[in-house]
Amino acid sequence: MDTNIAHPPADRQRRRHSPEFRASVIQACLQPGVSIAAVALANGLNANMVRKWVIEERKRSLPAQAHPSQLVADRGSPPAPAFVPLALPAPSAASGTIQIELRRGEATVSVNWPVSAADECAAWLREWLR
C-alpha cells in the first residue's frame, strides 16, 4: 500500500539585495561586451530581474524629460543625416573552377565547372544525384 504524505509548501521569502550589491551588478552589466545573463548567472541571480535593475538604473540616470510643450526647437544647425550612402566597387567576376570528384567502387567521375556558372552546376548535380 502506497501512502502519499502532503507536505505544506515551505514559505519562500524574497531575497533582499543591498543597494551596494545591486550597484556592483549593474556596473558589471554596463561594461562593453558583457552579457547581462552571464553576470546574473555568475552572481546566482535571475537574468530577467537583473535586466529590470539595469533598465530602472538607466531611467534614473536620464535627466528629467521636459513636457513637449516646453521644448524650444533649435534651428541653428541642420540635423545630422541618419543614413550616409557609400559608393561600393562593383563585384569582380568570379574566376576559377568548381571541381567535383565522385567515386563509386572502381569508377571515378571528375567534373570541372566554371565558378561563373555555379547555379547551373548545382542544378546538374541535383539532377545527377536523383
C-alpha atoms as a PDB file:
ATOM      1  CA  MET A   1       0.000   0.000   0.000  1.00  0.00           C
ATOM      2  CA  ASP A   2       1.391   3.374  -1.041  1.00  0.00           C
ATOM      3  CA  THR A   3       0.742   6.440   1.001  1.00  0.00           C
ATOM      4  CA  ASN A   4       1.483   9.952  -0.032  1.00  0.00           C
ATOM      5  CA  ILE A   5       2.050  12.466   2.656  1.00  0.00           C
ATOM      6  CA  ALA A   6       1.370  16.025   1.607  1.00  0.00           C
ATOM      7  CA  HIS A   7       3.988  18.407   2.872  1.00  0.00           C
ATOM      8  CA  PRO A   8       2.941  22.025   3.179  1.00  0.00           C
ATOM      9  CA  PRO A   9       4.991  24.263   0.882  1.00  0.00           C
ATOM     10  CA  ALA A  10       7.890  25.948   2.596  1.00  0.00           C
ATOM     11  CA  ASP A  11       7.450  29.670   2.997  1.00  0.00           C
ATOM     12  CA  ARG A  12       9.622  31.219   0.333  1.00  0.00           C
ATOM     13  CA  GLN A  13      10.981  34.588   1.147  1.00  0.00           C
ATOM     14  CA  ARG A  14      12.253  37.066  -1.361  1.00  0.00           C
ATOM     15  CA  ARG A  15      15.921  37.750  -1.138  1.00  0.00           C
ATOM     16  CA  ARG A  16      16.771  41.335  -0.422  1.00  0.00           C
ATOM     17  CA  HIS A  17      19.920  42.665  -2.024  1.00  0.00           C
ATOM     18  CA  SER A  18      21.777  45.635  -0.657  1.00  0.00           C
ATOM     19  CA  PRO A  19      21.990  48.780  -2.783  1.00  0.00           C
ATOM     20  CA  GLU A  20      25.776  48.294  -2.975  1.00  0.00           C
ATOM     21  CA  PHE A  21      25.382  44.758  -4.343  1.00  0.00           C
ATOM     22  CA  ARG A  22      22.806  45.931  -6.894  1.00  0.00           C
ATOM     23  CA  ALA A  23      25.086  48.780  -7.961  1.00  0.00           C
ATOM     24  CA  SER A  24      28.034  46.425  -8.461  1.00  0.00           C
ATOM     25  CA  VAL A  25      25.912  44.013 -10.539  1.00  0.00           C
ATOM     26  CA  ILE A  26      24.526  46.888 -12.640  1.00  0.00           C
ATOM     27  CA  GLN A  27      28.021  48.302 -13.222  1.00  0.00           C
ATOM     28  CA  ALA A  28      29.224  44.870 -14.330  1.00  0.00           C
ATOM     29  CA  CYS A  29      26.309  44.656 -16.794  1.00  0.00           C
ATOM     30  CA  LEU A  30      27.067  48.078 -18.260  1.00  0.00           C
ATOM     31  CA  GLN A  31      30.612  47.120 -19.289  1.00  0.00           C
ATOM     32  CA  PRO A  32      31.056  46.845 -23.073  1.00  0.00           C
ATOM     33  CA  GLY A  33      30.657  43.333 -24.439  1.00  0.00           C
ATOM     34  CA  VAL A  34      29.267  41.877 -21.216  1.00  0.00           C
ATOM     35  CA  SER A  35      26.139  39.737 -21.242  1.00  0.00           C
ATOM     36  CA  ILE A  36      23.509  40.517 -18.609  1.00  0.00           C
ATOM     37  CA  ALA A  37      22.683  36.817 -18.454  1.00  0.00           C
ATOM     38  CA  ALA A  38      26.334  35.941 -17.774  1.00  0.00           C
ATOM     39  CA  VAL A  39      26.584  38.497 -14.953  1.00  0.00           C
ATOM     40  CA  ALA A  40      23.320  37.243 -13.455  1.00  0.00           C
ATOM     41  CA  LEU A  41      24.465  33.627 -13.628  1.00  0.00           C
ATOM     42  CA  ALA A  42      27.829  34.477 -12.068  1.00  0.00           C
ATOM     43  CA  ASN A  43      26.025  36.125  -9.138  1.00  0.00           C
ATOM     44  CA  GLY A  44      23.306  33.493  -8.741  1.00  0.00           C
ATOM     45  CA  LEU A  45      20.560  35.869  -9.877  1.00  0.00           C
ATOM     46  CA  ASN A  46      17.689  35.686 -12.341  1.00  0.00           C
ATOM     47  CA  ALA A  47      18.650  37.360 -15.626  1.00  0.00           C
ATOM     48  CA  ASN A  48      15.211  38.970 -16.035  1.00  0.00           C
ATOM     49  CA  MET A  49      15.481  40.566 -12.601  1.00  0.00           C
ATOM     50  CA  VAL A  50      18.969  41.912 -13.371  1.00  0.00           C
ATOM     51  CA  ARG A  51      17.754  43.269 -16.729  1.00  0.00           C
ATOM     52  CA  LYS A  52      14.972  45.060 -14.826  1.00  0.00           C
ATOM     53  CA  TRP A  53      17.555  46.557 -12.452  1.00  0.00           C
ATOM     54  CA  VAL A  54      19.609  47.830 -15.404  1.00  0.00           C
ATOM     55  CA  ILE A  55      16.559  49.375 -17.097  1.00  0.00           C
ATOM     56  CA  GLU A  56      15.497  51.077 -13.866  1.00  0.00           C
ATOM     57  CA  GLU A  57      19.017  52.434 -13.372  1.00  0.00           C
ATOM     58  CA  ARG A  58      19.098  53.828 -16.906  1.00  0.00           C
ATOM     59  CA  LYS A  59      15.745  55.552 -16.324  1.00  0.00           C
ATOM     60  CA  ARG A  60      17.024  57.039 -13.070  1.00  0.00           C
ATOM     61  CA  SER A  61      20.246  58.286 -14.638  1.00  0.00           C
ATOM     62  CA  LEU A  62      18.483  60.083 -17.526  1.00  0.00           C
ATOM     63  CA  PRO A  63      17.663  63.740 -16.927  1.00  0.00           C
ATOM     64  CA  ALA A  64      14.004  64.505 -16.404  1.00  0.00           C
ATOM     65  CA  GLN A  65      12.381  64.953 -19.784  1.00  0.00           C
ATOM     66  CA  ALA A  66      10.583  68.225 -20.331  1.00  0.00           C
ATOM     67  CA  HIS A  67       6.984  68.230 -21.479  1.00  0.00           C
ATOM     68  CA  PRO A  68       6.799  68.592 -25.295  1.00  0.00           C
ATOM     69  CA  SER A  69       5.039  71.946 -24.958  1.00  0.00           C
ATOM     70  CA  GLN A  70       8.076  73.292 -23.075  1.00  0.00           C
ATOM     71  CA  LEU A  71      10.601  72.300 -25.727  1.00  0.00           C
ATOM     72  CA  VAL A  72      12.069  75.003 -27.957  1.00  0.00           C
ATOM     73  CA  ALA A  73      13.341  73.983 -31.362  1.00  0.00           C
ATOM     74  CA  ASP A  74      16.992  74.798 -32.035  1.00  0.00           C
ATOM     75  CA  ARG A  75      17.029  75.896 -35.658  1.00  0.00           C
ATOM     76  CA  GLY A  76      20.686  76.930 -35.646  1.00  0.00           C
ATOM     77  CA  SER A  77      22.149  73.744 -37.119  1.00  0.00           C
ATOM     78  CA  PRO A  78      20.643  71.246 -39.536  1.00  0.00           C
ATOM     79  CA  PRO A  79      20.122  67.728 -38.227  1.00  0.00           C
ATOM     80  CA  ALA A  80      22.796  65.172 -38.998  1.00  0.00           C
ATOM     81  CA  PRO A  81      21.785  62.699 -41.692  1.00  0.00           C
ATOM     82  CA  ALA A  82      20.710  59.331 -40.354  1.00  0.00           C
ATOM     83  CA  PHE A  83      21.995  57.487 -43.423  1.00  0.00           C
ATOM     84  CA  VAL A  84      25.125  58.218 -45.400  1.00  0.00           C
ATOM     85  CA  PRO A  85      25.242  56.455 -48.787  1.00  0.00           C
ATOM     86  CA  LEU A  86      28.579  54.949 -49.757  1.00  0.00           C
ATOM     87  CA  ALA A  87      29.748  54.023 -53.225  1.00  0.00           C
ATOM     88  CA  LEU A  88      30.887  50.402 -53.358  1.00  0.00           C
ATOM     89  CA  PRO A  89      33.109  48.957 -56.050  1.00  0.00           C
ATOM     90  CA  ALA A  90      31.405  46.627 -58.496  1.00  0.00           C
ATOM     91  CA  PRO A  91      31.943  42.966 -57.661  1.00  0.00           C
ATOM     92  CA  SER A  92      34.557  41.349 -59.834  1.00  0.00           C
ATOM     93  CA  ALA A  93      33.654  38.369 -61.950  1.00  0.00           C
ATOM     94  CA  ALA A  94      34.421  35.150 -60.146  1.00  0.00           C
ATOM     95  CA  SER A  95      37.251  33.212 -61.675  1.00  0.00           C
ATOM     96  CA  GLY A  96      38.286  29.655 -61.118  1.00  0.00           C
ATOM     97  CA  THR A  97      36.599  26.325 -61.358  1.00  0.00           C
ATOM     98  CA  ILE A  98      34.406  24.103 -59.250  1.00  0.00           C
ATOM     99  CA  GLN A  99      35.958  20.666 -59.000  1.00  0.00           C
ATOM    100  CA  ILE A 100      33.741  17.698 -58.150  1.00  0.00           C
ATOM    101  CA  GLU A 101      35.086  14.169 -57.877  1.00  0.00           C
ATOM    102  CA  LEU A 102      32.675  11.279 -57.340  1.00  0.00           C
ATOM    103  CA  ARG A 103      33.782   7.731 -56.574  1.00  0.00           C
ATOM    104  CA  ARG A 104      31.709   4.585 -56.577  1.00  0.00           C
ATOM    105  CA  GLY A 105      33.607   1.329 -56.340  1.00  0.00           C
ATOM    106  CA  GLU A 106      36.298   1.337 -59.021  1.00  0.00           C
ATOM    107  CA  ALA A 107      34.661   4.116 -61.049  1.00  0.00           C
ATOM    108  CA  THR A 108      35.684   7.755 -60.609  1.00  0.00           C
ATOM    109  CA  VAL A 109      33.991  10.746 -62.228  1.00  0.00           C
ATOM    110  CA  SER A 110      35.708  14.155 -62.217  1.00  0.00           C
ATOM    111  CA  VAL A 111      33.838  17.308 -63.234  1.00  0.00           C
ATOM    112  CA  ASN A 112      35.325  20.791 -63.628  1.00  0.00           C
ATOM    113  CA  TRP A 113      32.786  23.599 -63.882  1.00  0.00           C
ATOM    114  CA  PRO A 114      33.406  27.365 -64.120  1.00  0.00           C
ATOM    115  CA  VAL A 115      32.555  29.283 -60.939  1.00  0.00           C
ATOM    116  CA  SER A 116      30.682  31.837 -63.039  1.00  0.00           C
ATOM    117  CA  ALA A 117      28.119  29.091 -63.804  1.00  0.00           C
ATOM    118  CA  ALA A 118      27.739  27.785 -60.241  1.00  0.00           C
ATOM    119  CA  ASP A 119      23.922  27.799 -60.459  1.00  0.00           C
ATOM    120  CA  GLU A 120      23.995  25.507 -63.485  1.00  0.00           C
ATOM    121  CA  CYS A 121      26.487  23.249 -61.713  1.00  0.00           C
ATOM    122  CA  ALA A 122      24.168  22.957 -58.717  1.00  0.00           C
ATOM    123  CA  ALA A 123      21.199  22.138 -60.973  1.00  0.00           C
ATOM    124  CA  TRP A 124      23.227  19.496 -62.867  1.00  0.00           C
ATOM    125  CA  LEU A 125      24.455  17.920 -59.625  1.00  0.00           C
ATOM    126  CA  ARG A 126      20.935  17.900 -58.183  1.00  0.00           C
ATOM    127  CA  GLU A 127      19.628  16.091 -61.281  1.00  0.00           C
ATOM    128  CA  TRP A 128      22.556  13.683 -61.345  1.00  0.00           C
ATOM    129  CA  LEU A 129      22.064  12.683 -57.692  1.00  0.00           C
ATOM    130  CA  ARG A 130      18.370  11.815 -58.182  1.00  0.00           C
END
